[in-house]
């Protein structure tokens, strides 16, 4: 007797699905990347490595019989440092990053305004050098104050 077999094969290959999930995970990781977190992690690693170096220098003078206790003390210092300083370092980096960017943008905007004013003043002075009426207006506007001497000396 003949029997019909109707197997159900998946329509998509499992490897393709895994590759798509991997690409989605990488895309999500790049999108969610926070520079402050990376910098905080870097600073934390630097602080922990400095403390571990200091603890290792202290351990070198101990006898070999106390090596296990020294290693336990070293790792206790490492984990305590990680636990205690992770939050403050992350907050400090975020504050620094936010404040520095804000200050940098304001400083650049102020510099652009000063530069535009200086260029406008130089153009006006160049016009005034060739036009006595404009020069008289500038001198009257300065009212022979402290700035008038600076303008005349140009």
Protein backbone atom coordinates (compact mmCIF):
# COMPACT_ATOMS: atom_id res chain seq x y z
CA UNK A 1 0.00 0.00 0.00
CA UNK A 2 1.16 3.48 -0.81
CA UNK A 3 1.26 6.24 1.75
CA UNK A 4 1.80 9.87 1.08
CA UNK A 5 4.30 11.78 3.13
CA UNK A 6 3.88 15.51 3.44
CA UNK A 7 6.81 16.86 5.42
CA UNK A 8 6.66 20.47 6.61
CA UNK A 9 9.91 22.23 5.93
CA UNK A 10 10.52 25.74 7.21
CA UNK A 11 10.18 28.40 4.56
CA UNK A 12 13.17 30.34 5.86
CA UNK A 13 16.61 28.99 6.59
CA UNK A 14 17.60 29.06 10.26
CA UNK A 15 21.02 30.52 9.43
CA UNK A 16 19.42 33.45 7.60
CA UNK A 17 17.21 34.16 10.61
CA UNK A 18 20.23 34.07 12.94
CA UNK A 19 22.13 36.45 10.65
CA UNK A 20 19.17 38.86 10.57
CA UNK A 21 18.91 38.79 14.36
CA UNK A 22 22.67 39.44 14.63
CA UNK A 23 22.40 42.44 12.30
CA UNK A 24 19.43 43.79 14.30
CA UNK A 25 21.36 43.40 17.55
CA UNK A 26 24.41 45.23 16.15
CA UNK A 27 22.17 47.99 14.76
CA UNK A 28 20.43 48.38 18.12
CA UNK A 29 23.77 48.45 19.95
CA UNK A 30 25.11 51.18 17.65
CA UNK A 31 21.88 53.20 17.99
CA UNK A 32 21.88 52.90 21.79
CA UNK A 33 25.59 53.67 22.14
CA UNK A 34 26.24 56.39 24.69
CA UNK A 35 29.64 58.08 24.51
CA UNK A 36 29.42 59.16 28.14
CA UNK A 37 29.05 55.57 29.23
CA UNK A 38 32.13 54.54 27.24
CA UNK A 39 34.21 57.38 28.63
CA UNK A 40 32.99 56.62 32.15
CA UNK A 41 33.96 52.99 31.70
CA UNK A 42 37.38 54.03 30.44
CA UNK A 43 37.95 56.35 33.41
CA UNK A 44 36.73 53.70 35.82
CA UNK A 45 39.12 51.17 34.29
CA UNK A 46 41.97 53.66 34.68
CA UNK A 47 41.18 54.29 38.35
CA UNK A 48 40.80 50.58 39.08
CA UNK A 49 44.06 49.75 37.31
CA UNK A 50 45.88 52.43 39.31
CA UNK A 51 44.52 51.03 42.56
CA UNK A 52 45.39 47.48 41.50
CA UNK A 53 48.91 48.60 40.65
CA UNK A 54 49.30 50.16 44.08
CA UNK A 55 47.91 47.03 45.76
CA UNK A 56 50.25 44.84 43.69
CA UNK A 57 53.23 46.93 44.76
CA UNK A 58 52.25 46.37 48.39
CA UNK A 59 51.80 42.63 47.78
CA UNK A 60 55.29 42.14 46.35
CA UNK A 61 56.85 42.72 49.75
CA UNK A 62 54.76 39.98 51.39
CA UNK A 63 56.06 36.49 51.89
CA UNK A 64 54.92 33.65 49.58
CA UNK A 65 52.87 32.12 52.38
CA UNK A 66 50.45 35.03 52.29
CA UNK A 67 50.03 35.10 48.52
CA UNK A 68 46.44 33.82 48.59
CA UNK A 69 45.46 36.43 51.15
CA UNK A 70 47.17 39.10 49.08
CA UNK A 71 45.28 38.10 45.94
CA UNK A 72 42.01 38.11 47.86
CA UNK A 73 42.80 41.59 49.14
CA UNK A 74 43.72 42.74 45.64
CA UNK A 75 40.43 41.55 44.13
CA UNK A 76 38.49 42.97 47.05
CA UNK A 77 40.03 46.35 46.28
CA UNK A 78 39.18 45.93 42.58
CA UNK A 79 35.53 45.01 43.09
CA UNK A 80 34.99 47.59 45.82
CA UNK A 81 36.41 50.28 43.55
CA UNK A 82 34.18 49.18 40.68
CA UNK A 83 31.12 49.17 42.91
CA UNK A 84 31.79 52.50 44.61
CA UNK A 85 33.05 54.60 41.72
CA UNK A 86 30.94 53.47 38.75
CA UNK A 87 28.03 55.82 39.46
CA UNK A 88 29.99 58.96 40.36
CA UNK A 89 32.35 58.60 37.40
CA UNK A 90 29.44 58.13 34.98
CA UNK A 91 27.65 61.20 36.38
CA UNK A 92 30.84 63.27 36.21
CA UNK A 93 31.45 62.30 32.60
CA UNK A 94 27.86 63.08 31.60
CA UNK A 95 28.05 66.45 33.35
CA UNK A 96 31.41 67.24 31.73
CA UNK A 97 30.20 66.19 28.30
CA UNK A 98 27.01 68.24 28.57
CA UNK A 99 28.69 71.31 30.07
CA UNK A 100 31.65 71.27 27.68
CA UNK A 101 29.41 70.96 24.63
CA UNK A 102 27.14 73.75 25.87
CA UNK A 103 30.07 76.04 26.64
CA UNK A 104 31.77 75.21 23.35
CA UNK A 105 28.67 76.05 21.33
CA UNK A 106 28.15 79.33 23.19
CA UNK A 107 31.82 80.25 22.79
CA UNK A 108 31.72 79.53 19.06
CA UNK A 109 28.55 81.62 18.63
CA UNK A 110 30.11 84.54 20.54
CA UNK A 111 33.27 84.27 18.45
CA UNK A 112 31.21 84.37 15.23
CA UNK A 113 29.41 87.51 16.40
CA UNK A 114 32.69 89.23 17.36
CA UNK A 115 34.27 88.23 14.04
CA UNK A 116 31.31 89.54 12.02
CA UNK A 117 31.40 92.84 13.97
CA UNK A 118 35.15 93.18 13.42
CA UNK A 119 34.80 92.54 9.68
CA UNK A 120 31.94 95.08 9.47
CA UNK A 121 34.05 97.65 11.37
CA UNK A 122 37.01 97.10 9.04
CA UNK A 123 34.81 97.55 5.96
CA UNK A 124 33.25 100.71 7.39
CA UNK A 125 36.69 102.11 8.24
CA UNK A 126 37.91 101.36 4.72
CA UNK A 127 34.93 103.27 3.31
CA UNK A 128 35.49 106.11 5.79
CA UNK A 129 39.13 106.49 4.75
CA UNK A 130 37.99 107.48 1.27
CA UNK A 131 34.88 109.46 2.23
CA UNK A 132 35.40 112.50 4.50
CA UNK A 133 31.67 112.80 5.25
CA UNK A 134 31.54 109.25 6.60
CA UNK A 135 34.71 109.86 8.62
CA UNK A 136 33.14 112.99 10.14
CA UNK A 137 30.02 111.00 11.04
CA UNK A 138 32.11 108.31 12.72
CA UNK A 139 34.08 110.88 14.69
CA UNK A 140 30.90 112.68 15.77
CA UNK A 141 29.40 109.36 16.79
CA UNK A 142 32.41 108.55 18.91
CA UNK A 143 32.05 111.99 20.49
CA UNK A 144 35.78 112.42 20.89
CA UNK A 145 35.81 109.84 23.68
CA UNK A 146 38.46 107.23 24.38
CA UNK A 147 37.52 105.26 21.26
CA UNK A 148 37.99 108.25 18.95
CA UNK A 149 41.75 108.22 19.51
CA UNK A 150 41.94 104.58 18.62
CA UNK A 151 39.95 105.16 15.44
CA UNK A 152 42.07 108.13 14.39
CA UNK A 153 45.29 106.21 14.87
CA UNK A 154 44.30 103.62 12.28
